[in-house]
C-alpha atoms as a PDB file:
ATOM      1  CA  MET A   1     141.080 122.201 -65.241  1.00  0.00           C
ATOM      2  CA  SER A   2     140.335 118.565 -64.333  1.00  0.00           C
ATOM      3  CA  ALA A   3     136.816 117.245 -63.822  1.00  0.00           C
ATOM      4  CA  PRO A   4     137.094 117.119 -60.007  1.00  0.00           C
ATOM      5  CA  GLU A   5     138.488 120.659 -59.913  1.00  0.00           C
ATOM      6  CA  SER A   6     135.689 121.885 -62.185  1.00  0.00           C
ATOM      7  CA  SER A   7     133.121 120.238 -59.955  1.00  0.00           C
ATOM      8  CA  ALA A   8     134.605 121.877 -56.875  1.00  0.00           C
ATOM      9  CA  ALA A   9     134.677 125.322 -58.486  1.00  0.00           C
ATOM     10  CA  HIS A  10     131.101 125.001 -59.685  1.00  0.00           C
ATOM     11  CA  PRO A  11     129.190 122.874 -57.175  1.00  0.00           C
ATOM     12  CA  PRO A  12     126.053 121.073 -58.407  1.00  0.00           C
ATOM     13  CA  ILE A  13     122.923 123.177 -58.070  1.00  0.00           C
ATOM     14  CA  GLY A  14     120.306 120.643 -59.130  1.00  0.00           C
ATOM     15  CA  VAL A  15     119.685 121.895 -62.675  1.00  0.00           C
ATOM     16  CA  ASP A  16     121.645 121.583 -65.892  1.00  0.00           C
ATOM     17  CA  THR A  17     120.274 124.343 -68.126  1.00  0.00           C
ATOM     18  CA  VAL A  18     120.146 128.122 -67.886  1.00  0.00           C
ATOM     19  CA  GLU A  19     116.370 128.085 -68.425  1.00  0.00           C
ATOM     20  CA  ALA A  20     115.794 125.619 -65.586  1.00  0.00           C
ATOM     21  CA  LEU A  21     117.932 127.732 -63.257  1.00  0.00           C
ATOM     22  CA  VAL A  22     116.037 130.922 -64.164  1.00  0.00           C
ATOM     23  CA  ARG A  23     112.704 129.130 -63.663  1.00  0.00           C
ATOM     24  CA  ARG A  24     113.759 127.986 -60.225  1.00  0.00           C
ATOM     25  CA  GLN A  25     115.159 131.359 -59.180  1.00  0.00           C
ATOM     26  CA  LEU A  26     112.112 133.175 -60.540  1.00  0.00           C
ATOM     27  CA  ALA A  27     109.807 130.880 -58.563  1.00  0.00           C
ATOM     28  CA  ASN A  28     111.897 131.526 -55.434  1.00  0.00           C
ATOM     29  CA  ALA A  29     111.823 135.292 -55.966  1.00  0.00           C
ATOM     30  CA  LEU A  30     108.030 135.292 -56.352  1.00  0.00           C
ATOM     31  CA  GLY A  31     107.507 132.832 -53.507  1.00  0.00           C
ATOM     32  CA  GLY A  32     105.633 130.369 -55.668  1.00  0.00           C
ATOM     33  CA  ARG A  33     101.843 130.398 -55.757  1.00  0.00           C
ATOM     34  CA  ARG A  34     101.499 130.904 -52.024  1.00  0.00           C
ATOM     35  CA  GLY A  35     103.953 133.791 -51.838  1.00  0.00           C
ATOM     36  CA  THR A  36     102.330 135.509 -54.816  1.00  0.00           C
ATOM     37  CA  ILE A  37      98.873 135.175 -53.237  1.00  0.00           C
ATOM     38  CA  GLU A  38     100.085 136.387 -49.841  1.00  0.00           C
ATOM     39  CA  ALA A  39     101.675 139.471 -51.392  1.00  0.00           C
ATOM     40  CA  ALA A  40      98.626 140.342 -53.504  1.00  0.00           C
ATOM     41  CA  LEU A  41      95.647 139.326 -51.343  1.00  0.00           C
ATOM     42  CA  PRO A  42      95.600 142.234 -48.833  1.00  0.00           C
ATOM     43  CA  GLY A  43      95.543 144.820 -51.627  1.00  0.00           C
ATOM     44  CA  LEU A  44      92.892 142.803 -53.414  1.00  0.00           C
ATOM     45  CA  VAL A  45      90.748 142.692 -50.267  1.00  0.00           C
ATOM     46  CA  PHE A  46      91.096 146.467 -49.816  1.00  0.00           C
ATOM     47  CA  THR A  47      89.953 147.116 -53.376  1.00  0.00           C
ATOM     48  CA  LEU A  48      87.057 144.641 -53.287  1.00  0.00           C
ATOM     49  CA  LEU A  49      85.747 146.083 -50.014  1.00  0.00           C
ATOM     50  CA  TRP A  50      86.178 149.730 -50.927  1.00  0.00           C
ATOM     51  CA  LEU A  51      84.342 149.462 -54.243  1.00  0.00           C
ATOM     52  CA  PRO A  52      80.924 148.552 -52.753  1.00  0.00           C
ATOM     53  CA  THR A  53      81.250 150.217 -49.312  1.00  0.00           C
ATOM     54  CA  LYS A  54      83.427 153.311 -49.955  1.00  0.00           C
ATOM     55  CA  GLN A  55      84.706 152.796 -46.389  1.00  0.00           C
ATOM     56  CA  VAL A  56      88.465 153.306 -46.323  1.00  0.00           C
ATOM     57  CA  GLN A  57      88.961 152.313 -42.673  1.00  0.00           C
ATOM     58  CA  LEU A  58      86.931 149.130 -43.070  1.00  0.00           C
ATOM     59  CA  ALA A  59      88.882 148.160 -46.173  1.00  0.00           C
ATOM     60  CA  LEU A  60      92.223 148.823 -44.432  1.00  0.00           C
ATOM     61  CA  VAL A  61      91.266 146.831 -41.329  1.00  0.00           C
ATOM     62  CA  ALA A  62      90.054 143.893 -43.407  1.00  0.00           C
ATOM     63  CA  ALA A  63      93.208 143.914 -45.536  1.00  0.00           C
ATOM     64  CA  GLY A  64      95.342 144.073 -42.388  1.00  0.00           C
ATOM     65  CA  ALA A  65      93.406 141.167 -40.844  1.00  0.00           C
ATOM     66  CA  VAL A  66      94.050 139.026 -43.932  1.00  0.00           C
ATOM     67  CA  ALA A  67      97.770 139.809 -43.761  1.00  0.00           C
ATOM     68  CA  ALA A  68      97.820 139.034 -40.016  1.00  0.00           C
ATOM     69  CA  VAL A  69      96.196 135.626 -40.554  1.00  0.00           C
ATOM     70  CA  ALA A  70      98.719 134.806 -43.287  1.00  0.00           C
ATOM     71  CA  LEU A  71     101.567 135.859 -40.963  1.00  0.00           C
ATOM     72  CA  VAL A  72     100.292 133.710 -38.077  1.00  0.00           C
ATOM     73  CA  LEU A  73     100.017 130.678 -40.375  1.00  0.00           C
ATOM     74  CA  ARG A  74     103.578 131.213 -41.568  1.00  0.00           C
ATOM     75  CA  LEU A  75     104.853 131.511 -37.993  1.00  0.00           C
ATOM     76  CA  ILE A  76     103.019 128.353 -36.933  1.00  0.00           C
ATOM     77  CA  GLN A  77     104.497 126.475 -39.883  1.00  0.00           C
ATOM     78  CA  ARG A  78     107.910 128.074 -39.295  1.00  0.00           C
ATOM     79  CA  SER A  79     108.191 128.997 -42.954  1.00  0.00           C
ATOM     80  CA  SER A  80     109.362 132.187 -44.662  1.00  0.00           C
ATOM     81  CA  THR A  81     107.407 135.325 -43.752  1.00  0.00           C
ATOM     82  CA  GLN A  82     109.056 137.451 -46.446  1.00  0.00           C
ATOM     83  CA  TYR A  83     106.064 137.708 -48.755  1.00  0.00           C
ATOM     84  CA  VAL A  84     103.598 138.403 -45.935  1.00  0.00           C
ATOM     85  CA  PHE A  85     105.820 141.194 -44.660  1.00  0.00           C
ATOM     86  CA  ASN A  86     105.979 142.601 -48.201  1.00  0.00           C
ATOM     87  CA  ALA A  87     102.180 142.885 -48.096  1.00  0.00           C
ATOM     88  CA  ILE A  88     102.188 144.340 -44.577  1.00  0.00           C
ATOM     89  CA  PHE A  89     104.791 146.915 -45.601  1.00  0.00           C
ATOM     90  CA  GLY A  90     102.648 147.911 -48.597  1.00  0.00           C
ATOM     91  CA  LEU A  91      99.588 148.304 -46.369  1.00  0.00           C
ATOM     92  CA  ALA A  92     101.564 150.382 -43.874  1.00  0.00           C
ATOM     93  CA  ILE A  93     102.764 152.754 -46.593  1.00  0.00           C
ATOM     94  CA  GLY A  94      99.213 152.980 -47.949  1.00  0.00           C
ATOM     95  CA  TRP A  95      97.938 153.775 -44.435  1.00  0.00           C
ATOM     96  CA  VAL A  96     100.500 156.604 -44.118  1.00  0.00           C
ATOM     97  CA  PHE A  97      99.255 158.127 -47.381  1.00  0.00           C
ATOM     98  CA  VAL A  98      95.630 157.749 -46.256  1.00  0.00           C
ATOM     99  CA  ARG A  99      96.444 159.629 -43.042  1.00  0.00           C
ATOM    100  CA  TRP A 100      98.231 162.296 -45.091  1.00  0.00           C
ATOM    101  CA  ALA A 101      95.122 162.774 -47.233  1.00  0.00           C
ATOM    102  CA  GLU A 102      92.908 162.850 -44.144  1.00  0.00           C
ATOM    103  CA  GLY A 103      95.164 165.430 -42.491  1.00  0.00           C
ATOM    104  CA  SER A 104      94.938 167.552 -45.635  1.00  0.00           C
ATOM    105  CA  GLY A 105      91.147 167.636 -45.344  1.00  0.00           C
ATOM    106  CA  GLY A 106      90.428 164.962 -47.933  1.00  0.00           C
ATOM    107  CA  ASP A 107      87.205 162.974 -47.777  1.00  0.00           C
ATOM    108  CA  ALA A 108      86.920 159.168 -47.980  1.00  0.00           C
ATOM    109  CA  SER A 109      87.372 159.176 -51.753  1.00  0.00           C
ATOM    110  CA  ASP A 110      90.473 161.382 -51.523  1.00  0.00           C
ATOM    111  CA  GLN A 111      91.880 159.029 -48.891  1.00  0.00           C
ATOM    112  CA  ALA A 112      91.231 155.978 -51.062  1.00  0.00           C
ATOM    113  CA  LEU A 113      92.905 157.756 -53.977  1.00  0.00           C
ATOM    114  CA  ALA A 114      95.926 158.464 -51.758  1.00  0.00           C
ATOM    115  CA  TYR A 115      96.111 154.772 -50.825  1.00  0.00           C
ATOM    116  CA  PHE A 116      96.801 153.823 -54.445  1.00  0.00           C
ATOM    117  CA  LEU A 117      99.574 156.405 -54.975  1.00  0.00           C
ATOM    118  CA  PRO A 118     102.477 154.405 -53.427  1.00  0.00           C
ATOM    119  CA  GLY A 119     101.706 151.446 -55.681  1.00  0.00           C
ATOM    120  CA  ILE A 120     101.755 153.630 -58.779  1.00  0.00           C
ATOM    121  CA  LEU A 121     105.024 155.290 -57.723  1.00  0.00           C
ATOM    122  CA  TYR A 122     106.618 151.928 -56.913  1.00  0.00           C
ATOM    123  CA  SER A 123     105.568 150.450 -60.261  1.00  0.00           C
ATOM    124  CA  GLY A 124     106.960 153.511 -62.046  1.00  0.00           C
ATOM    125  CA  ALA A 125     110.330 153.262 -60.293  1.00  0.00           C
ATOM    126  CA  TYR A 126     110.416 149.484 -60.802  1.00  0.00           C
ATOM    127  CA  THR A 127     109.747 149.922 -64.516  1.00  0.00           C
ATOM    128  CA  ILE A 128     112.476 152.544 -64.923  1.00  0.00           C
ATOM    129  CA  VAL A 129     115.086 150.465 -63.084  1.00  0.00           C
ATOM    130  CA  LEU A 130     114.351 147.246 -64.986  1.00  0.00           C
ATOM    131  CA  ALA A 131     114.245 149.036 -68.338  1.00  0.00           C
ATOM    132  CA  ALA A 132     117.562 150.745 -67.564  1.00  0.00           C
ATOM    133  CA  THR A 133     119.223 147.386 -66.823  1.00  0.00           C
ATOM    134  CA  CYS A 134     118.054 146.051 -70.199  1.00  0.00           C
ATOM    135  CA  LEU A 135     119.188 149.132 -72.112  1.00  0.00           C
ATOM    136  CA  ALA A 136     122.571 148.968 -70.367  1.00  0.00           C
ATOM    137  CA  GLY A 137     122.994 145.327 -71.399  1.00  0.00           C
ATOM    138  CA  TRP A 138     122.801 144.063 -67.811  1.00  0.00           C
ATOM    139  CA  PRO A 139     119.201 142.770 -67.560  1.00  0.00           C
ATOM    140  CA  MET A 140     118.005 142.309 -63.997  1.00  0.00           C
ATOM    141  CA  LEU A 141     116.939 138.702 -64.529  1.00  0.00           C
ATOM    142  CA  GLY A 142     120.520 137.846 -65.395  1.00  0.00           C
ATOM    143  CA  PHE A 143     121.603 138.334 -61.806  1.00  0.00           C
ATOM    144  CA  MET A 144     119.392 135.375 -60.839  1.00  0.00           C
ATOM    145  CA  LEU A 145     121.992 133.228 -62.550  1.00  0.00           C
ATOM    146  CA  GLY A 146     124.657 134.374 -60.101  1.00  0.00           C
ATOM    147  CA  VAL A 147     123.968 131.349 -57.907  1.00  0.00           C
ATOM    148  CA  GLY A 148     125.017 129.153 -60.817  1.00  0.00           C
ATOM    149  CA  SER A 149     128.720 129.852 -60.369  1.00  0.00           C
ATOM    150  CA  GLU A 150     131.237 131.499 -58.112  1.00  0.00           C
ATOM    151  CA  ASP A 151     131.298 134.515 -60.438  1.00  0.00           C
ATOM    152  CA  PRO A 152     127.917 136.331 -60.258  1.00  0.00           C
ATOM    153  CA  PHE A 153     128.643 138.002 -63.607  1.00  0.00           C
ATOM    154  CA  GLU A 154     129.518 134.828 -65.482  1.00  0.00           C
ATOM    155  CA  TRP A 155     126.229 134.858 -67.417  1.00  0.00           C
ATOM    156  CA  ARG A 156     127.156 138.238 -68.937  1.00  0.00           C
ATOM    157  CA  ARG A 157     129.826 136.591 -71.115  1.00  0.00           C
ATOM    158  CA  ASN A 158     127.264 134.506 -73.031  1.00  0.00           C
ATOM    159  CA  LYS A 159     125.315 136.575 -75.587  1.00  0.00           C
ATOM    160  CA  GLN A 160     122.530 133.991 -75.848  1.00  0.00           C
ATOM    161  CA  VAL A 161     121.950 134.117 -72.097  1.00  0.00           C
ATOM    162  CA  VAL A 162     122.004 137.930 -72.089  1.00  0.00           C
ATOM    163  CA  ARG A 163     119.370 137.997 -74.862  1.00  0.00           C
ATOM    164  CA  LEU A 164     117.183 135.533 -72.972  1.00  0.00           C
ATOM    165  CA  CYS A 165     117.432 137.512 -69.725  1.00  0.00           C
ATOM    166  CA  SER A 166     116.698 140.775 -71.563  1.00  0.00           C
ATOM    167  CA  ARG A 167     113.511 139.338 -73.067  1.00  0.00           C
ATOM    168  CA  LEU A 168     112.426 137.995 -69.687  1.00  0.00           C
ATOM    169  CA  THR A 169     113.122 141.327 -67.963  1.00  0.00           C
ATOM    170  CA  TRP A 170     111.128 143.275 -70.577  1.00  0.00           C
ATOM    171  CA  LEU A 171     108.223 140.860 -70.086  1.00  0.00           C
ATOM    172  CA  MET A 172     108.464 141.198 -66.301  1.00  0.00           C
ATOM    173  CA  LEU A 173     108.292 144.992 -66.383  1.00  0.00           C
ATOM    174  CA  ALA A 174     105.543 145.214 -69.029  1.00  0.00           C
ATOM    175  CA  PRO A 175     102.493 144.842 -66.704  1.00  0.00           C
ATOM    176  CA  GLY A 176     103.782 147.515 -64.329  1.00  0.00           C
ATOM    177  CA  ALA A 177     104.675 149.871 -67.165  1.00  0.00           C
ATOM    178  CA  ILE A 178     101.234 149.547 -68.751  1.00  0.00           C
ATOM    179  CA  GLY A 179      99.604 149.926 -65.340  1.00  0.00           C
ATOM    180  CA  VAL A 180     101.468 153.161 -64.625  1.00  0.00           C
ATOM    181  CA  ALA A 181     100.696 154.510 -68.104  1.00  0.00           C
ATOM    182  CA  LEU A 182      96.970 153.944 -67.516  1.00  0.00           C
ATOM    183  CA  GLN A 183      96.576 154.543 -63.781  1.00  0.00           C
ATOM    184  CA  GLY A 184      98.970 157.476 -63.403  1.00  0.00           C
ATOM    185  CA  PRO A 185      96.980 159.930 -65.571  1.00  0.00           C
ATOM    186  CA  VAL A 186      93.711 158.831 -63.925  1.00  0.00           C
ATOM    187  CA  TRP A 187      95.216 159.438 -60.474  1.00  0.00           C
ATOM    188  CA  LEU A 188      96.373 162.917 -61.485  1.00  0.00           C
ATOM    189  CA  LEU A 189      92.956 163.762 -62.941  1.00  0.00           C
ATOM    190  CA  GLY A 190      91.302 162.714 -59.684  1.00  0.00           C
ATOM    191  CA  HIS A 191      93.846 164.469 -57.492  1.00  0.00           C
ATOM    192  CA  HIS A 192      93.431 167.754 -59.367  1.00  0.00           C
ATOM    193  CA  ASP A 193      89.616 167.478 -59.402  1.00  0.00           C
ATOM    194  CA  VAL A 194      89.381 167.211 -63.179  1.00  0.00           C
ATOM    195  CA  ILE A 195      87.262 164.153 -62.470  1.00  0.00           C
ATOM    196  CA  ARG A 196      85.708 163.152 -59.153  1.00  0.00           C
ATOM    197  CA  ALA A 197      88.110 161.357 -56.801  1.00  0.00           C
ATOM    198  CA  GLU A 198      85.567 158.575 -56.350  1.00  0.00           C
ATOM    199  CA  LEU A 199      85.436 157.994 -60.111  1.00  0.00           C
ATOM    200  CA  ALA A 200      89.233 158.015 -60.327  1.00  0.00           C
ATOM    201  CA  VAL A 201      89.511 155.412 -57.549  1.00  0.00           C
ATOM    202  CA  THR A 202      86.890 153.228 -59.232  1.00  0.00           C
ATOM    203  CA  ILE A 203      88.731 153.370 -62.571  1.00  0.00           C
ATOM    204  CA  ILE A 204      92.088 152.571 -60.925  1.00  0.00           C
ATOM    205  CA  ALA A 205      90.537 149.703 -58.955  1.00  0.00           C
ATOM    206  CA  VAL A 206      88.954 148.228 -62.078  1.00  0.00           C
ATOM    207  CA  LEU A 207      92.236 148.558 -63.984  1.00  0.00           C
ATOM    208  CA  ARG A 208      94.070 146.772 -61.190  1.00  0.00           C
ATOM    209  CA  LEU A 209      91.548 143.996 -60.698  1.00  0.00           C
ATOM    210  CA  GLY A 210      90.797 143.397 -64.352  1.00  0.00           C
ATOM    211  CA  LEU A 211      93.539 144.480 -66.694  1.00  0.00           C
ATOM    212  CA  GLY A 212      96.336 144.293 -64.110  1.00  0.00           C
ATOM    213  CA  TRP A 213      95.877 140.616 -63.312  1.00  0.00           C
ATOM    214  CA  ALA A 214      95.284 139.720 -66.962  1.00  0.00           C
ATOM    215  CA  LEU A 215      98.555 141.427 -67.930  1.00  0.00           C
ATOM    216  CA  ARG A 216     100.501 139.702 -65.168  1.00  0.00           C
ATOM    217  CA  ILE A 217      99.146 136.289 -66.104  1.00  0.00           C
ATOM    218  CA  ALA A 218      99.955 136.933 -69.770  1.00  0.00           C
ATOM    219  CA  ALA A 219     103.471 138.205 -68.993  1.00  0.00           C
ATOM    220  CA  PHE A 220     104.385 135.294 -66.729  1.00  0.00           C
ATOM    221  CA  SER A 221     102.868 132.799 -69.170  1.00  0.00           C
ATOM    222  CA  LEU A 222     105.080 134.211 -71.937  1.00  0.00           C
ATOM    223  CA  MET A 223     108.099 134.150 -69.624  1.00  0.00           C
ATOM    224  CA  PHE A 224     107.638 130.490 -68.765  1.00  0.00           C
ATOM    225  CA  TRP A 225     106.963 129.694 -72.433  1.00  0.00           C
ATOM    226  CA  LEU A 226     110.316 131.247 -73.327  1.00  0.00           C
ATOM    227  CA  LEU A 227     111.974 129.271 -70.562  1.00  0.00           C
ATOM    228  CA  ALA A 228     110.359 126.027 -71.732  1.00  0.00           C
ATOM    229  CA  ARG A 229     111.270 126.278 -75.419  1.00  0.00           C
ATOM    230  CA  ASN A 230     115.060 126.590 -75.066  1.00  0.00           C
ATOM    231  CA  ALA A 231     117.689 124.541 -73.244  1.00  0.00           C
ATOM    232  CA  THR A 232     121.019 126.352 -72.905  1.00  0.00           C
ATOM    233  CA  PRO A 233     123.440 124.100 -70.954  1.00  0.00           C
ATOM    234  CA  LEU A 234     124.968 125.735 -67.916  1.00  0.00           C
ATOM    235  CA  GLU A 235     128.273 124.389 -69.197  1.00  0.00           C
ATOM    236  CA  ASP A 236     128.018 126.866 -72.079  1.00  0.00           C
ATOM    237  CA  VAL A 237     128.088 129.743 -69.610  1.00  0.00           C
ATOM    238  CA  VAL A 238     130.970 128.215 -67.667  1.00  0.00           C
ATOM    239  CA  GLY A 239     132.736 127.442 -70.938  1.00  0.00           C
ATOM    240  CA  ALA A 240     132.503 131.078 -72.002  1.00  0.00           C
ATOM    241  CA  GLU A 241     134.340 132.111 -68.841  1.00  0.00           C
ATOM    242  CA  ALA A 242     136.973 129.421 -69.383  1.00  0.00           C
ATOM    243  CA  ALA A 243     137.494 130.572 -72.976  1.00  0.00           C
ATOM    244  CA  ASP A 244     137.899 134.175 -71.843  1.00  0.00           C
ATOM    245  CA  GLY A 245     140.475 133.054 -69.293  1.00  0.00           C
ATOM    246  CA  ALA A 246     142.389 131.048 -71.889  1.00  0.00           C
ATOM    247  CA  ASP A 247     142.448 133.974 -74.290  1.00  0.00           C
ATOM    248  CA  ALA A 248     143.852 136.182 -71.564  1.00  0.00           C
ATOM    249  CA  GLU A 249     146.774 133.839 -70.831  1.00  0.00           C
ATOM    250  CA  PRO A 250     150.078 134.686 -72.556  1.00  0.00           C
ATOM    251  CA  ALA A 251     151.153 132.413 -75.411  1.00  0.00           C
END
């Protein structure tokens, strides 16, 4: 294939290494600093308000108000509302579980405990899915490289890229997996009255605010360290596809 043809088949995407492409796609997926804050802040507000007041409705209203302000700012600026709506969706699901607990005769502590259940279930499912993709040899982070060529599975032909994406995917799922392993048993103990629901909520809140954020910061720091220490040319991935095609041609 000539140089012009190669350029047409694989249009320039502004980066020249696999690591740079993953960094860019990862930043886009997380929404950058602003998107990450918008997605996390409502839940953080709920937790910080519930801990001292033990008022579920107050905490929900305050968290909803924070999400509404973020949404209005996004609309005024005509920028993406994806990450705000992620937070609003999480609050709405939490509100449904709070109403379920209230309808079942639960007190304020039982309702607060119910609010945290969707997050634990989501993290558990997220962990299982990401781990399964790694074990199957198709790590989730690899699909971020699909924008790098016309073939979204091109990256799969390069073992070095697959190893890199597997390491990144394991790091990405680690905070959620640890969170579920710690918070899940506490939630069950509180739900089945082995410990007081209020104590269970307090422990879960502390785990989320303290250990949860520390684990996320550590995981993403390690991910970006991995992405900064290597430089795999995108041409290597394209070259792997070309080599496969050449091998397949008859002599």
